[in-house]
Amino acid sequence: MFEIYVPLLRGQGEWRAVEAVHVGGMRYRIIGTMPEGEEWAFTPGEEVECDTTEVKKGKKVLTAKHLAPVPL
């Protein structure tokens, strides 16, 4: 299990730490449930591609950037 950060739809610059399963490369599947009253840019069950982002000096986290393409 991994922790990634997904953007919240309300407010600027707000992120939520969520549990995810590593799928391969920089792809992760979001698991768990979305708390009532929150809206995430990506929802549980979706696969996202992440980047490493420095949030504080020396602290880097995985942030969800976009939905992962569905393989053909």
PDB file of N, CA and C in Angstrom:
ATOM      1  N   MET A   1       0.836  -1.169   0.000  1.00  0.00           N
ATOM      2  CA  MET A   1       0.000   0.000   0.000  1.00  0.00           C
ATOM      3  C   MET A   1       0.891   1.246   0.000  1.00  0.00           C
ATOM      4  N   PHE A   2       0.463   2.238  -0.745  1.00  0.00           N
ATOM      5  CA  PHE A   2       1.196   3.489  -0.873  1.00  0.00           C
ATOM      6  C   PHE A   2       0.281   4.647  -0.517  1.00  0.00           C
ATOM      7  N   GLU A   3       0.897   5.794  -0.252  1.00  0.00           N
ATOM      8  CA  GLU A   3       0.144   7.021  -0.037  1.00  0.00           C
ATOM      9  C   GLU A   3       0.469   7.959  -1.180  1.00  0.00           C
ATOM     10  N   ILE A   4      -0.595   8.408  -1.866  1.00  0.00           N
ATOM     11  CA  ILE A   4      -0.432   9.414  -2.906  1.00  0.00           C
ATOM     12  C   ILE A   4      -1.346  10.585  -2.554  1.00  0.00           C
ATOM     13  N   TYR A   5      -1.134  11.708  -3.210  1.00  0.00           N
ATOM     14  CA  TYR A   5      -1.948  12.891  -2.958  1.00  0.00           C
ATOM     15  C   TYR A   5      -2.764  13.213  -4.197  1.00  0.00           C
ATOM     16  N   VAL A   6      -4.076  13.426  -3.994  1.00  0.00           N
ATOM     17  CA  VAL A   6      -4.962  13.813  -5.091  1.00  0.00           C
ATOM     18  C   VAL A   6      -5.489  15.220  -4.815  1.00  0.00           C
ATOM     19  N   PRO A   7      -5.674  16.014  -5.870  1.00  0.00           N
ATOM     20  CA  PRO A   7      -6.199  17.362  -5.658  1.00  0.00           C
ATOM     21  C   PRO A   7      -7.682  17.330  -5.310  1.00  0.00           C
ATOM     22  N   LEU A   8      -8.074  18.227  -4.422  1.00  0.00           N
ATOM     23  CA  LEU A   8      -9.488  18.419  -4.108  1.00  0.00           C
ATOM     24  C   LEU A   8     -10.068  19.375  -5.143  1.00  0.00           C
ATOM     25  N   LEU A   9     -11.331  19.189  -5.481  1.00  0.00           N
ATOM     26  CA  LEU A   9     -11.946  20.048  -6.485  1.00  0.00           C
ATOM     27  C   LEU A   9     -12.323  21.414  -5.932  1.00  0.00           C
ATOM     28  N   ARG A  10     -12.545  21.502  -4.635  1.00  0.00           N
ATOM     29  CA  ARG A  10     -12.881  22.794  -4.025  1.00  0.00           C
ATOM     30  C   ARG A  10     -11.631  23.388  -3.390  1.00  0.00           C
ATOM     31  N   GLY A  11     -11.377  24.645  -3.688  1.00  0.00           N
ATOM     32  CA  GLY A  11     -10.207  25.302  -3.106  1.00  0.00           C
ATOM     33  C   GLY A  11      -8.982  25.107  -3.977  1.00  0.00           C
ATOM     34  N   GLN A  12      -8.104  26.043  -3.917  1.00  0.00           N
ATOM     35  CA  GLN A  12      -6.876  25.948  -4.693  1.00  0.00           C
ATOM     36  C   GLN A  12      -5.752  25.430  -3.820  1.00  0.00           C
ATOM     37  N   GLY A  13      -4.931  24.587  -4.399  1.00  0.00           N
ATOM     38  CA  GLY A  13      -3.757  24.108  -3.696  1.00  0.00           C
ATOM     39  C   GLY A  13      -4.027  23.142  -2.570  1.00  0.00           C
ATOM     40  N   GLU A  14      -5.236  22.589  -2.515  1.00  0.00           N
ATOM     41  CA  GLU A  14      -5.547  21.637  -1.464  1.00  0.00           C
ATOM     42  C   GLU A  14      -5.424  20.216  -2.005  1.00  0.00           C
ATOM     43  N   TRP A  15      -4.816  19.372  -1.192  1.00  0.00           N
ATOM     44  CA  TRP A  15      -4.581  17.982  -1.568  1.00  0.00           C
ATOM     45  C   TRP A  15      -5.061  17.073  -0.454  1.00  0.00           C
ATOM     46  N   ARG A  16      -5.423  15.852  -0.797  1.00  0.00           N
ATOM     47  CA  ARG A  16      -5.825  14.840   0.175  1.00  0.00           C
ATOM     48  C   ARG A  16      -4.902  13.644   0.004  1.00  0.00           C
ATOM     49  N   ALA A  17      -4.323  13.173   1.096  1.00  0.00           N
ATOM     50  CA  ALA A  17      -3.534  11.945   1.073  1.00  0.00           C
ATOM     51  C   ALA A  17      -4.504  10.771   1.018  1.00  0.00           C
ATOM     52  N   VAL A  18      -4.287   9.867   0.076  1.00  0.00           N
ATOM     53  CA  VAL A  18      -5.163   8.701  -0.089  1.00  0.00           C
ATOM     54  C   VAL A  18      -4.310   7.439  -0.230  1.00  0.00           C
ATOM     55  N   GLU A  19      -4.930   6.306   0.067  1.00  0.00           N
ATOM     56  CA  GLU A  19      -4.244   5.029  -0.108  1.00  0.00           C
ATOM     57  C   GLU A  19      -4.357   4.595  -1.560  1.00  0.00           C
ATOM     58  N   ALA A  20      -3.309   3.968  -2.036  1.00  0.00           N
ATOM     59  CA  ALA A  20      -3.287   3.505  -3.416  1.00  0.00           C
ATOM     60  C   ALA A  20      -2.461   2.233  -3.520  1.00  0.00           C
ATOM     61  N   VAL A  21      -2.725   1.497  -4.577  1.00  0.00           N
ATOM     62  CA  VAL A  21      -1.988   0.280  -4.891  1.00  0.00           C
ATOM     63  C   VAL A  21      -1.125   0.568  -6.114  1.00  0.00           C
ATOM     64  N   HIS A  22       0.136   0.190  -6.041  1.00  0.00           N
ATOM     65  CA  HIS A  22       1.047   0.392  -7.165  1.00  0.00           C
ATOM     66  C   HIS A  22       0.675  -0.576  -8.269  1.00  0.00           C
ATOM     67  N   VAL A  23       0.473  -0.052  -9.478  1.00  0.00           N
ATOM     68  CA  VAL A  23       0.086  -0.877 -10.625  1.00  0.00           C
ATOM     69  C   VAL A  23       1.292  -1.162 -11.513  1.00  0.00           C
ATOM     70  N   GLY A  24       2.227  -0.222 -11.571  1.00  0.00           N
ATOM     71  CA  GLY A  24       3.423  -0.372 -12.396  1.00  0.00           C
ATOM     72  C   GLY A  24       3.914   0.985 -12.840  1.00  0.00           C
ATOM     73  N   GLY A  25       5.211   1.142 -12.944  1.00  0.00           N
ATOM     74  CA  GLY A  25       5.777   2.433 -13.323  1.00  0.00           C
ATOM     75  C   GLY A  25       5.337   3.502 -12.336  1.00  0.00           C
ATOM     76  N   MET A  26       4.754   4.564 -12.846  1.00  0.00           N
ATOM     77  CA  MET A  26       4.233   5.644 -11.990  1.00  0.00           C
ATOM     78  C   MET A  26       2.704   5.601 -11.915  1.00  0.00           C
ATOM     79  N   ARG A  27       2.132   4.416 -12.166  1.00  0.00           N
ATOM     80  CA  ARG A  27       0.672   4.234 -12.129  1.00  0.00           C
ATOM     81  C   ARG A  27       0.242   3.657 -10.787  1.00  0.00           C
ATOM     82  N   TYR A  28      -0.865   4.225 -10.269  1.00  0.00           N
ATOM     83  CA  TYR A  28      -1.426   3.788  -8.990  1.00  0.00           C
ATOM     84  C   TYR A  28      -2.940   3.733  -9.099  1.00  0.00           C
ATOM     85  N   ARG A  29      -3.548   2.756  -8.426  1.00  0.00           N
ATOM     86  CA  ARG A  29      -5.004   2.657  -8.350  1.00  0.00           C
ATOM     87  C   ARG A  29      -5.431   3.168  -6.987  1.00  0.00           C
ATOM     88  N   ILE A  30      -6.321   4.156  -6.972  1.00  0.00           N
ATOM     89  CA  ILE A  30      -6.820   4.731  -5.726  1.00  0.00           C
ATOM     90  C   ILE A  30      -7.777   3.746  -5.071  1.00  0.00           C
ATOM     91  N   ILE A  31      -7.592   3.521  -3.774  1.00  0.00           N
ATOM     92  CA  ILE A  31      -8.482   2.626  -3.033  1.00  0.00           C
ATOM     93  C   ILE A  31      -9.067   3.383  -1.846  1.00  0.00           C
ATOM     94  N   GLY A  32      -9.975   2.748  -1.152  1.00  0.00           N
ATOM     95  CA  GLY A  32     -10.602   3.378   0.005  1.00  0.00           C
ATOM     96  C   GLY A  32     -11.867   4.113  -0.402  1.00  0.00           C
ATOM     97  N   THR A  33     -12.320   4.987   0.457  1.00  0.00           N
ATOM     98  CA  THR A  33     -13.548   5.735   0.187  1.00  0.00           C
ATOM     99  C   THR A  33     -13.294   7.231   0.328  1.00  0.00           C
ATOM    100  N   MET A  34     -14.076   7.989  -0.417  1.00  0.00           N
ATOM    101  CA  MET A  34     -13.990   9.437  -0.364  1.00  0.00           C
ATOM    102  C   MET A  34     -14.854   9.923   0.798  1.00  0.00           C
ATOM    103  N   PRO A  35     -14.298  10.725   1.706  1.00  0.00           N
ATOM    104  CA  PRO A  35     -15.098  11.225   2.825  1.00  0.00           C
ATOM    105  C   PRO A  35     -16.291  12.055   2.334  1.00  0.00           C
ATOM    106  N   GLU A  36     -17.383  11.967   3.052  1.00  0.00           N
ATOM    107  CA  GLU A  36     -18.572  12.740   2.709  1.00  0.00           C
ATOM    108  C   GLU A  36     -18.234  14.234   2.729  1.00  0.00           C
ATOM    109  N   GLY A  37     -18.734  14.946   1.733  1.00  0.00           N
ATOM    110  CA  GLY A  37     -18.491  16.380   1.657  1.00  0.00           C
ATOM    111  C   GLY A  37     -17.240  16.774   0.887  1.00  0.00           C
ATOM    112  N   GLU A  38     -16.435  15.792   0.473  1.00  0.00           N
ATOM    113  CA  GLU A  38     -15.244  16.096  -0.323  1.00  0.00           C
ATOM    114  C   GLU A  38     -15.472  15.678  -1.766  1.00  0.00           C
ATOM    115  N   GLU A  39     -14.809  16.384  -2.662  1.00  0.00           N
ATOM    116  CA  GLU A  39     -14.795  16.005  -4.067  1.00  0.00           C
ATOM    117  C   GLU A  39     -13.350  15.969  -4.526  1.00  0.00           C
ATOM    118  N   TRP A  40     -12.911  14.790  -4.955  1.00  0.00           N
ATOM    119  CA  TRP A  40     -11.549  14.624  -5.429  1.00  0.00           C
ATOM    120  C   TRP A  40     -11.531  14.743  -6.944  1.00  0.00           C
ATOM    121  N   ALA A  41     -10.406  15.132  -7.491  1.00  0.00           N
ATOM    122  CA  ALA A  41     -10.232  15.179  -8.940  1.00  0.00           C
ATOM    123  C   ALA A  41     -10.247  13.770  -9.534  1.00  0.00           C
ATOM    124  N   PHE A  42      -9.849  12.779  -8.736  1.00  0.00           N
ATOM    125  CA  PHE A  42      -9.847  11.377  -9.155  1.00  0.00           C
ATOM    126  C   PHE A  42     -10.532  10.576  -8.059  1.00  0.00           C
ATOM    127  N   THR A  43     -11.283   9.558  -8.429  1.00  0.00           N
ATOM    128  CA  THR A  43     -12.096   8.836  -7.459  1.00  0.00           C
ATOM    129  C   THR A  43     -11.557   7.437  -7.183  1.00  0.00           C
ATOM    130  N   PRO A  44     -11.955   6.846  -6.058  1.00  0.00           N
ATOM    131  CA  PRO A  44     -11.536   5.482  -5.736  1.00  0.00           C
ATOM    132  C   PRO A  44     -11.853   4.526  -6.888  1.00  0.00           C
ATOM    133  N   GLY A  45     -10.889   3.670  -7.182  1.00  0.00           N
ATOM    134  CA  GLY A  45     -11.018   2.713  -8.269  1.00  0.00           C
ATOM    135  C   GLY A  45     -10.336   3.161  -9.547  1.00  0.00           C
ATOM    136  N   GLU A  46     -10.097   4.460  -9.700  1.00  0.00           N
ATOM    137  CA  GLU A  46      -9.440   4.959 -10.905  1.00  0.00           C
ATOM    138  C   GLU A  46      -7.928   4.770 -10.808  1.00  0.00           C
ATOM    139  N   GLU A  47      -7.315   4.547 -11.969  1.00  0.00           N
ATOM    140  CA  GLU A  47      -5.865   4.482 -12.048  1.00  0.00           C
ATOM    141  C   GLU A  47      -5.351   5.832 -12.516  1.00  0.00           C
ATOM    142  N   VAL A  48      -4.332   6.314 -11.814  1.00  0.00           N
ATOM    143  CA  VAL A  48      -3.763   7.624 -12.132  1.00  0.00           C
ATOM    144  C   VAL A  48      -2.266   7.501 -12.356  1.00  0.00           C
ATOM    145  N   GLU A  49      -1.736   8.452 -13.096  1.00  0.00           N
ATOM    146  CA  GLU A  49      -0.288   8.556 -13.245  1.00  0.00           C
ATOM    147  C   GLU A  49       0.179   9.655 -12.309  1.00  0.00           C
ATOM    148  N   CYS A  50       1.265   9.377 -11.615  1.00  0.00           N
ATOM    149  CA  CYS A  50       1.771  10.296 -10.596  1.00  0.00           C
ATOM    150  C   CYS A  50       3.137  10.848 -10.962  1.00  0.00           C
ATOM    151  N   ASP A  51       3.448  11.967 -10.360  1.00  0.00           N
ATOM    152  CA  ASP A  51       4.775  12.573 -10.418  1.00  0.00           C
ATOM    153  C   ASP A  51       5.253  12.751  -8.989  1.00  0.00           C
ATOM    154  N   THR A  52       6.551  12.859  -8.834  1.00  0.00           N
ATOM    155  CA  THR A  52       7.106  13.189  -7.530  1.00  0.00           C
ATOM    156  C   THR A  52       7.165  14.700  -7.422  1.00  0.00           C
ATOM    157  N   THR A  53       6.580  15.230  -6.359  1.00  0.00           N
ATOM    158  CA  THR A  53       6.507  16.676  -6.162  1.00  0.00           C
ATOM    159  C   THR A  53       7.115  17.033  -4.813  1.00  0.00           C
ATOM    160  N   GLU A  54       7.952  18.059  -4.796  1.00  0.00           N
ATOM    161  CA  GLU A  54       8.531  18.523  -3.540  1.00  0.00           C
ATOM    162  C   GLU A  54       7.545  19.497  -2.898  1.00  0.00           C
ATOM    163  N   VAL A  55       7.012  19.109  -1.719  1.00  0.00           N
ATOM    164  CA  VAL A  55       6.020  19.947  -1.045  1.00  0.00           C
ATOM    165  C   VAL A  55       6.651  20.841   0.015  1.00  0.00           C
ATOM    166  N   LYS A  56       7.719  20.413   0.577  1.00  0.00           N
ATOM    167  CA  LYS A  56       8.501  21.199   1.528  1.00  0.00           C
ATOM    168  C   LYS A  56       9.960  20.923   1.204  1.00  0.00           C
ATOM    169  N   LYS A  57      10.823  21.768   1.671  1.00  0.00           N
ATOM    170  CA  LYS A  57      12.238  21.577   1.388  1.00  0.00           C
ATOM    171  C   LYS A  57      12.667  20.188   1.853  1.00  0.00           C
ATOM    172  N   GLY A  58      13.043  19.364   0.890  1.00  0.00           N
ATOM    173  CA  GLY A  58      13.522  18.030   1.203  1.00  0.00           C
ATOM    174  C   GLY A  58      12.447  16.969   1.327  1.00  0.00           C
ATOM    175  N   LYS A  59      11.149  17.349   1.329  1.00  0.00           N
ATOM    176  CA  LYS A  59      10.073  16.350   1.437  1.00  0.00           C
ATOM    177  C   LYS A  59       9.370  16.223   0.096  1.00  0.00           C
ATOM    178  N   LYS A  60       9.428  15.012  -0.464  1.00  0.00           N
ATOM    179  CA  LYS A  60       8.803  14.741  -1.747  1.00  0.00           C
ATOM    180  C   LYS A  60       7.667  13.744  -1.562  1.00  0.00           C
ATOM    181  N   VAL A  61       6.581  13.941  -2.317  1.00  0.00           N
ATOM    182  CA  VAL A  61       5.429  13.038  -2.253  1.00  0.00           C
ATOM    183  C   VAL A  61       4.991  12.711  -3.676  1.00  0.00           C
ATOM    184  N   LEU A  62       4.214  11.644  -3.799  1.00  0.00           N
ATOM    185  CA  LEU A  62       3.625  11.282  -5.080  1.00  0.00           C
ATOM    186  C   LEU A  62       2.309  12.030  -5.235  1.00  0.00           C
ATOM    187  N   THR A  63       2.149  12.745  -6.350  1.00  0.00           N
ATOM    188  CA  THR A  63       0.918  13.481  -6.603  1.00  0.00           C
ATOM    189  C   THR A  63       0.273  12.982  -7.897  1.00  0.00           C
ATOM    190  N   ALA A  64      -1.034  12.765  -7.842  1.00  0.00           N
ATOM    191  CA  ALA A  64      -1.784  12.309  -9.015  1.00  0.00           C
ATOM    192  C   ALA A  64      -1.916  13.459 -10.004  1.00  0.00           C
ATOM    193  N   LYS A  65      -1.519  13.230 -11.241  1.00  0.00           N
ATOM    194  CA  LYS A  65      -1.538  14.284 -12.259  1.00  0.00           C
ATOM    195  C   LYS A  65      -2.660  14.107 -13.267  1.00  0.00           C
ATOM    196  N   HIS A  66      -2.924  12.875 -13.692  1.00  0.00           N
ATOM    197  CA  HIS A  66      -3.998  12.630 -14.663  1.00  0.00           C
ATOM    198  C   HIS A  66      -4.364  11.158 -14.646  1.00  0.00           C
ATOM    199  N   LEU A  67      -5.518  10.851 -15.250  1.00  0.00           N
ATOM    200  CA  LEU A  67      -5.927   9.459 -15.357  1.00  0.00           C
ATOM    201  C   LEU A  67      -4.941   8.707 -16.231  1.00  0.00           C
ATOM    202  N   ALA A  68      -4.662   7.473 -15.841  1.00  0.00           N
ATOM    203  CA  ALA A  68      -3.767   6.643 -16.643  1.00  0.00           C
ATOM    204  C   ALA A  68      -4.530   6.172 -17.878  1.00  0.00           C
ATOM    205  N   PRO A  69      -3.870   6.149 -19.031  1.00  0.00           N
ATOM    206  CA  PRO A  69      -4.550   5.656 -20.234  1.00  0.00           C
ATOM    207  C   PRO A  69      -4.911   4.184 -20.071  1.00  0.00           C
ATOM    208  N   VAL A  70      -6.050   3.836 -20.636  1.00  0.00           N
ATOM    209  CA  VAL A  70      -6.515   2.441 -20.589  1.00  0.00           C
ATOM    210  C   VAL A  70      -5.776   1.675 -21.673  1.00  0.00           C
ATOM    211  N   PRO A  71      -5.121   0.551 -21.288  1.00  0.00           N
ATOM    212  CA  PRO A  71      -4.396  -0.222 -22.315  1.00  0.00           C
ATOM    213  C   PRO A  71      -5.364  -0.841 -23.309  1.00  0.00           C
ATOM    214  N   LEU A  72      -4.931  -0.918 -24.572  1.00  0.00           N
ATOM    215  CA  LEU A  72      -5.761  -1.516 -25.624  1.00  0.00           C
ATOM    216  C   LEU A  72      -5.626  -3.002 -25.642  1.00  0.00           C
TER     217      LEU A  72
END
